[in-house]
């Protein structure tokens, strides 16, 4: 188990072409709208086994290629 629980505005900046991101088994409590905004080619995002309690509506507006969440 990791201990990631939040991200900054630029955590994934310059990773525009990242296609798969696995953040499973962490302590993420919420997903803010800016967390993944730079990941325009993201296709798969795994967030299982976290402590998610809040997901902002616009959280994935920039992730048009996302097919697996």
PDB file of N, CA and C in Angstrom:
ATOM      1  N   UNK A   1       0.849  -1.185   0.000  1.00  0.00           N
ATOM      2  CA  UNK A   1       0.000   0.000   0.000  1.00  0.00           C
ATOM      3  C   UNK A   1       0.890   1.242   0.000  1.00  0.00           C
ATOM      4  N   UNK A   2       0.536   2.185  -0.840  1.00  0.00           N
ATOM      5  CA  UNK A   2       1.218   3.469  -0.874  1.00  0.00           C
ATOM      6  C   UNK A   2       0.491   4.443   0.040  1.00  0.00           C
ATOM      7  N   UNK A   3       0.981   5.633   0.140  1.00  0.00           N
ATOM      8  CA  UNK A   3       0.365   6.615   1.029  1.00  0.00           C
ATOM      9  C   UNK A   3       0.024   7.914   0.315  1.00  0.00           C
ATOM     10  N   UNK A   4      -0.200   7.854  -0.980  1.00  0.00           N
ATOM     11  CA  UNK A   4      -0.584   9.048  -1.734  1.00  0.00           C
ATOM     12  C   UNK A   4      -2.000   9.414  -1.340  1.00  0.00           C
ATOM     13  N   UNK A   5      -2.217  10.662  -0.979  1.00  0.00           N
ATOM     14  CA  UNK A   5      -3.570  11.070  -0.605  1.00  0.00           C
ATOM     15  C   UNK A   5      -4.033  12.335  -1.312  1.00  0.00           C
ATOM     16  N   UNK A   6      -3.124  13.050  -1.994  1.00  0.00           N
ATOM     17  CA  UNK A   6      -3.520  14.238  -2.757  1.00  0.00           C
ATOM     18  C   UNK A   6      -2.427  14.584  -3.760  1.00  0.00           C
ATOM     19  N   UNK A   7      -2.789  15.479  -4.676  1.00  0.00           N
ATOM     20  CA  UNK A   7      -1.866  15.917  -5.717  1.00  0.00           C
ATOM     21  C   UNK A   7      -1.880  17.434  -5.799  1.00  0.00           C
ATOM     22  N   UNK A   8      -0.806  17.995  -6.315  1.00  0.00           N
ATOM     23  CA  UNK A   8      -0.754  19.430  -6.551  1.00  0.00           C
ATOM     24  C   UNK A   8      -1.274  19.754  -7.941  1.00  0.00           C
ATOM     25  N   UNK A   9      -1.364  21.027  -8.252  1.00  0.00           N
ATOM     26  CA  UNK A   9      -1.866  21.475  -9.557  1.00  0.00           C
ATOM     27  C   UNK A   9      -1.026  20.941 -10.713  1.00  0.00           C
ATOM     28  N   UNK A  10       0.247  20.799 -10.536  1.00  0.00           N
ATOM     29  CA  UNK A  10       1.135  20.418 -11.633  1.00  0.00           C
ATOM     30  C   UNK A  10       1.764  19.038 -11.477  1.00  0.00           C
ATOM     31  N   UNK A  11       1.161  18.189 -10.706  1.00  0.00           N
ATOM     32  CA  UNK A  11       1.722  16.858 -10.474  1.00  0.00           C
ATOM     33  C   UNK A  11       1.941  16.098 -11.775  1.00  0.00           C
ATOM     34  N   UNK A  12       0.992  16.147 -12.683  1.00  0.00           N
ATOM     35  CA  UNK A  12       1.087  15.400 -13.932  1.00  0.00           C
ATOM     36  C   UNK A  12       1.366  16.300 -15.135  1.00  0.00           C
ATOM     37  N   UNK A  13       1.822  17.512 -14.872  1.00  0.00           N
ATOM     38  CA  UNK A  13       2.165  18.451 -15.935  1.00  0.00           C
ATOM     39  C   UNK A  13       3.297  17.869 -16.780  1.00  0.00           C
ATOM     40  N   UNK A  14       3.225  18.041 -18.055  1.00  0.00           N
ATOM     41  CA  UNK A  14       4.203  17.546 -19.034  1.00  0.00           C
ATOM     42  C   UNK A  14       4.143  16.031 -19.221  1.00  0.00           C
ATOM     43  N   UNK A  15       3.102  15.408 -18.754  1.00  0.00           N
ATOM     44  CA  UNK A  15       2.890  13.981 -19.012  1.00  0.00           C
ATOM     45  C   UNK A  15       1.685  13.808 -19.932  1.00  0.00           C
ATOM     46  N   UNK A  16       1.557  14.708 -20.864  1.00  0.00           N
ATOM     47  CA  UNK A  16       0.399  14.780 -21.754  1.00  0.00           C
ATOM     48  C   UNK A  16       0.090  13.466 -22.455  1.00  0.00           C
ATOM     49  N   UNK A  17       1.104  12.683 -22.765  1.00  0.00           N
ATOM     50  CA  UNK A  17       0.898  11.479 -23.554  1.00  0.00           C
ATOM     51  C   UNK A  17       0.859  10.202 -22.720  1.00  0.00           C
ATOM     52  N   UNK A  18       0.750  10.356 -21.422  1.00  0.00           N
ATOM     53  CA  UNK A  18       0.594   9.196 -20.549  1.00  0.00           C
ATOM     54  C   UNK A  18      -0.727   8.519 -20.885  1.00  0.00           C
ATOM     55  N   UNK A  19      -0.714   7.210 -21.067  1.00  0.00           N
ATOM     56  CA  UNK A  19      -1.929   6.493 -21.463  1.00  0.00           C
ATOM     57  C   UNK A  19      -2.539   5.674 -20.333  1.00  0.00           C
ATOM     58  N   UNK A  20      -1.722   5.245 -19.400  1.00  0.00           N
ATOM     59  CA  UNK A  20      -2.222   4.397 -18.315  1.00  0.00           C
ATOM     60  C   UNK A  20      -1.647   4.890 -16.999  1.00  0.00           C
ATOM     61  N   UNK A  21      -2.518   5.047 -16.012  1.00  0.00           N
ATOM     62  CA  UNK A  21      -2.093   5.510 -14.694  1.00  0.00           C
ATOM     63  C   UNK A  21      -2.793   4.666 -13.634  1.00  0.00           C
ATOM     64  N   UNK A  22      -2.016   3.981 -12.835  1.00  0.00           N
ATOM     65  CA  UNK A  22      -2.573   3.122 -11.787  1.00  0.00           C
ATOM     66  C   UNK A  22      -2.242   3.726 -10.423  1.00  0.00           C
ATOM     67  N   UNK A  23      -3.251   4.254  -9.777  1.00  0.00           N
ATOM     68  CA  UNK A  23      -3.108   4.854  -8.443  1.00  0.00           C
ATOM     69  C   UNK A  23      -3.836   4.009  -7.400  1.00  0.00           C
ATOM     70  N   UNK A  24      -3.995   2.748  -7.685  1.00  0.00           N
ATOM     71  CA  UNK A  24      -4.674   1.836  -6.771  1.00  0.00           C
ATOM     72  C   UNK A  24      -3.882   1.677  -5.477  1.00  0.00           C
ATOM     73  N   UNK A  25      -4.594   1.303  -4.438  1.00  0.00           N
ATOM     74  CA  UNK A  25      -4.004   1.016  -3.125  1.00  0.00           C
ATOM     75  C   UNK A  25      -3.256   2.225  -2.550  1.00  0.00           C
ATOM     76  N   UNK A  26      -3.932   3.342  -2.535  1.00  0.00           N
ATOM     77  CA  UNK A  26      -3.406   4.553  -1.919  1.00  0.00           C
ATOM     78  C   UNK A  26      -4.419   5.059  -0.904  1.00  0.00           C
ATOM     79  N   UNK A  27      -4.300   6.288  -0.540  1.00  0.00           N
ATOM     80  CA  UNK A  27      -5.216   6.885   0.433  1.00  0.00           C
ATOM     81  C   UNK A  27      -5.875   8.135  -0.136  1.00  0.00           C
ATOM     82  N   UNK A  28      -6.179   8.096  -1.416  1.00  0.00           N
ATOM     83  CA  UNK A  28      -6.774   9.237  -2.096  1.00  0.00           C
ATOM     84  C   UNK A  28      -8.199   9.432  -1.582  1.00  0.00           C
ATOM     85  N   UNK A  29      -8.477  10.620  -1.098  1.00  0.00           N
ATOM     86  CA  UNK A  29      -9.782  10.924  -0.513  1.00  0.00           C
ATOM     87  C   UNK A  29     -10.735  11.582  -1.496  1.00  0.00           C
ATOM     88  N   UNK A  30     -10.186  12.387  -2.403  1.00  0.00           N
ATOM     89  CA  UNK A  30     -11.025  13.120  -3.347  1.00  0.00           C
ATOM     90  C   UNK A  30     -10.272  13.349  -4.647  1.00  0.00           C
ATOM     91  N   UNK A  31     -11.020  13.622  -5.703  1.00  0.00           N
ATOM     92  CA  UNK A  31     -10.439  13.923  -7.011  1.00  0.00           C
ATOM     93  C   UNK A  31     -10.903  15.318  -7.404  1.00  0.00           C
ATOM     94  N   UNK A  32      -9.967  16.235  -7.458  1.00  0.00           N
ATOM     95  CA  UNK A  32     -10.246  17.611  -7.852  1.00  0.00           C
ATOM     96  C   UNK A  32     -10.240  17.724  -9.375  1.00  0.00           C
ATOM     97  N   UNK A  33     -10.903  18.741  -9.898  1.00  0.00           N
ATOM     98  CA  UNK A  33     -11.028  18.892 -11.344  1.00  0.00           C
ATOM     99  C   UNK A  33      -9.697  19.128 -12.051  1.00  0.00           C
ATOM    100  N   UNK A  34      -8.697  19.614 -11.360  1.00  0.00           N
ATOM    101  CA  UNK A  34      -7.418  19.902 -12.010  1.00  0.00           C
ATOM    102  C   UNK A  34      -6.406  18.757 -11.906  1.00  0.00           C
ATOM    103  N   UNK A  35      -6.690  17.703 -11.174  1.00  0.00           N
ATOM    104  CA  UNK A  35      -5.715  16.622 -10.980  1.00  0.00           C
ATOM    105  C   UNK A  35      -5.204  16.030 -12.292  1.00  0.00           C
ATOM    106  N   UNK A  36      -6.097  15.734 -13.201  1.00  0.00           N
ATOM    107  CA  UNK A  36      -5.730  15.015 -14.417  1.00  0.00           C
ATOM    108  C   UNK A  36      -5.906  15.844 -15.682  1.00  0.00           C
ATOM    109  N   UNK A  37      -6.027  17.148 -15.554  1.00  0.00           N
ATOM    110  CA  UNK A  37      -6.333  18.002 -16.699  1.00  0.00           C
ATOM    111  C   UNK A  37      -5.265  17.997 -17.783  1.00  0.00           C
ATOM    112  N   UNK A  38      -4.034  17.728 -17.464  1.00  0.00           N
ATOM    113  CA  UNK A  38      -2.956  17.725 -18.457  1.00  0.00           C
ATOM    114  C   UNK A  38      -2.805  16.376 -19.154  1.00  0.00           C
ATOM    115  N   UNK A  39      -3.499  15.375 -18.681  1.00  0.00           N
ATOM    116  CA  UNK A  39      -3.370  14.030 -19.234  1.00  0.00           C
ATOM    117  C   UNK A  39      -4.376  13.833 -20.369  1.00  0.00           C
ATOM    118  N   UNK A  40      -4.143  14.516 -21.465  1.00  0.00           N
ATOM    119  CA  UNK A  40      -5.120  14.552 -22.553  1.00  0.00           C
ATOM    120  C   UNK A  40      -5.208  13.234 -23.325  1.00  0.00           C
ATOM    121  N   UNK A  41      -4.211  12.374 -23.217  1.00  0.00           N
ATOM    122  CA  UNK A  41      -4.230  11.096 -23.927  1.00  0.00           C
ATOM    123  C   UNK A  41      -4.476   9.914 -22.983  1.00  0.00           C
ATOM    124  N   UNK A  42      -4.844  10.197 -21.756  1.00  0.00           N
ATOM    125  CA  UNK A  42      -5.071   9.146 -20.762  1.00  0.00           C
ATOM    126  C   UNK A  42      -6.233   8.259 -21.195  1.00  0.00           C
ATOM    127  N   UNK A  43      -5.982   6.959 -21.238  1.00  0.00           N
ATOM    128  CA  UNK A  43      -7.013   6.000 -21.645  1.00  0.00           C
ATOM    129  C   UNK A  43      -7.482   5.144 -20.480  1.00  0.00           C
ATOM    130  N   UNK A  44      -6.589   4.871 -19.535  1.00  0.00           N
ATOM    131  CA  UNK A  44      -6.934   4.020 -18.405  1.00  0.00           C
ATOM    132  C   UNK A  44      -6.473   4.676 -17.101  1.00  0.00           C
ATOM    133  N   UNK A  45      -7.384   4.769 -16.164  1.00  0.00           N
ATOM    134  CA  UNK A  45      -7.081   5.326 -14.843  1.00  0.00           C
ATOM    135  C   UNK A  45      -7.656   4.383 -13.798  1.00  0.00           C
ATOM    136  N   UNK A  46      -6.791   3.877 -12.954  1.00  0.00           N
ATOM    137  CA  UNK A  46      -7.203   2.935 -11.921  1.00  0.00           C
ATOM    138  C   UNK A  46      -7.100   3.597 -10.547  1.00  0.00           C
ATOM    139  N   UNK A  47      -8.214   3.632  -9.856  1.00  0.00           N
ATOM    140  CA  UNK A  47      -8.290   4.267  -8.538  1.00  0.00           C
ATOM    141  C   UNK A  47      -8.849   3.320  -7.473  1.00  0.00           C
ATOM    142  N   UNK A  48      -8.857   2.050  -7.753  1.00  0.00           N
ATOM    143  CA  UNK A  48      -9.467   1.102  -6.811  1.00  0.00           C
ATOM    144  C   UNK A  48      -8.678   1.027  -5.497  1.00  0.00           C
ATOM    145  N   UNK A  49      -9.376   0.666  -4.464  1.00  0.00           N
ATOM    146  CA  UNK A  49      -8.823   0.520  -3.119  1.00  0.00           C
ATOM    147  C   UNK A  49      -8.205   1.818  -2.594  1.00  0.00           C
ATOM    148  N   UNK A  50      -8.959   2.893  -2.729  1.00  0.00           N
ATOM    149  CA  UNK A  50      -8.619   4.176  -2.140  1.00  0.00           C
ATOM    150  C   UNK A  50      -9.728   4.530  -1.162  1.00  0.00           C
ATOM    151  N   UNK A  51      -9.699   5.700  -0.636  1.00  0.00           N
ATOM    152  CA  UNK A  51     -10.711   6.133   0.318  1.00  0.00           C
ATOM    153  C   UNK A  51     -11.518   7.290  -0.265  1.00  0.00           C
ATOM    154  N   UNK A  52     -11.881   7.162  -1.533  1.00  0.00           N
ATOM    155  CA  UNK A  52     -12.584   8.235  -2.248  1.00  0.00           C
ATOM    156  C   UNK A  52     -13.933   8.557  -1.611  1.00  0.00           C
ATOM    157  N   UNK A  53     -14.123   9.838  -1.344  1.00  0.00           N
ATOM    158  CA  UNK A  53     -15.399  10.288  -0.800  1.00  0.00           C
ATOM    159  C   UNK A  53     -15.976  11.452  -1.606  1.00  0.00           C
ATOM    160  N   UNK A  54     -15.167  12.039  -2.505  1.00  0.00           N
ATOM    161  CA  UNK A  54     -15.624  13.189  -3.281  1.00  0.00           C
ATOM    162  C   UNK A  54     -14.947  13.188  -4.649  1.00  0.00           C
ATOM    163  N   UNK A  55     -15.767  13.369  -5.676  1.00  0.00           N
ATOM    164  CA  UNK A  55     -15.285  13.436  -7.045  1.00  0.00           C
ATOM    165  C   UNK A  55     -15.923  14.656  -7.699  1.00  0.00           C
ATOM    166  N   UNK A  56     -15.110  15.659  -8.050  1.00  0.00           N
ATOM    167  CA  UNK A  56     -15.650  16.870  -8.660  1.00  0.00           C
ATOM    168  C   UNK A  56     -16.186  16.563 -10.056  1.00  0.00           C
ATOM    169  N   UNK A  57     -17.285  17.175 -10.412  1.00  0.00           N
ATOM    170  CA  UNK A  57     -17.964  16.906 -11.677  1.00  0.00           C
ATOM    171  C   UNK A  57     -17.058  17.071 -12.888  1.00  0.00           C
ATOM    172  N   UNK A  58     -16.223  18.081 -12.889  1.00  0.00           N
ATOM    173  CA  UNK A  58     -15.374  18.374 -14.045  1.00  0.00           C
ATOM    174  C   UNK A  58     -14.051  17.616 -14.016  1.00  0.00           C
ATOM    175  N   UNK A  59     -13.900  16.669 -13.143  1.00  0.00           N
ATOM    176  CA  UNK A  59     -12.624  15.995 -12.928  1.00  0.00           C
ATOM    177  C   UNK A  59     -12.045  15.357 -14.193  1.00  0.00           C
ATOM    178  N   UNK A  60     -12.891  14.928 -15.115  1.00  0.00           N
ATOM    179  CA  UNK A  60     -12.396  14.234 -16.296  1.00  0.00           C
ATOM    180  C   UNK A  60     -12.788  14.913 -17.602  1.00  0.00           C
ATOM    181  N   UNK A  61     -13.125  16.175 -17.559  1.00  0.00           N
ATOM    182  CA  UNK A  61     -13.521  16.917 -18.760  1.00  0.00           C
ATOM    183  C   UNK A  61     -12.419  16.977 -19.817  1.00  0.00           C
ATOM    184  N   UNK A  62     -11.171  17.000 -19.406  1.00  0.00           N
ATOM    185  CA  UNK A  62     -10.042  17.087 -20.343  1.00  0.00           C
ATOM    186  C   UNK A  62      -9.592  15.725 -20.856  1.00  0.00           C
ATOM    187  N   UNK A  63     -10.122  14.674 -20.294  1.00  0.00           N
ATOM    188  CA  UNK A  63      -9.680  13.327 -20.606  1.00  0.00           C
ATOM    189  C   UNK A  63     -10.624  12.642 -21.592  1.00  0.00           C
ATOM    190  N   UNK A  64     -10.690  13.175 -22.786  1.00  0.00           N
ATOM    191  CA  UNK A  64     -11.626  12.675 -23.788  1.00  0.00           C
ATOM    192  C   UNK A  64     -11.295  11.263 -24.267  1.00  0.00           C
ATOM    193  N   UNK A  65     -10.059  10.821 -24.115  1.00  0.00           N
ATOM    194  CA  UNK A  65      -9.655   9.488 -24.555  1.00  0.00           C
ATOM    195  C   UNK A  65      -9.906   8.419 -23.489  1.00  0.00           C
ATOM    196  N   UNK A  66     -10.301   8.827 -22.302  1.00  0.00           N
ATOM    197  CA  UNK A  66     -10.485   7.898 -21.178  1.00  0.00           C
ATOM    198  C   UNK A  66     -11.571   6.871 -21.490  1.00  0.00           C
ATOM    199  N   UNK A  67     -11.198   5.603 -21.446  1.00  0.00           N
ATOM    200  CA  UNK A  67     -12.153   4.534 -21.714  1.00  0.00           C
ATOM    201  C   UNK A  67     -12.309   3.573 -20.542  1.00  0.00           C
ATOM    202  N   UNK A  68     -11.405   3.626 -19.583  1.00  0.00           N
ATOM    203  CA  UNK A  68     -11.476   2.744 -18.423  1.00  0.00           C
ATOM    204  C   UNK A  68     -11.166   3.528 -17.163  1.00  0.00           C
ATOM    205  N   UNK A  69     -12.121   3.511 -16.258  1.00  0.00           N
ATOM    206  CA  UNK A  69     -11.967   4.211 -14.990  1.00  0.00           C
ATOM    207  C   UNK A  69     -12.309   3.268 -13.863  1.00  0.00           C
TER     208      UNK A  69
END
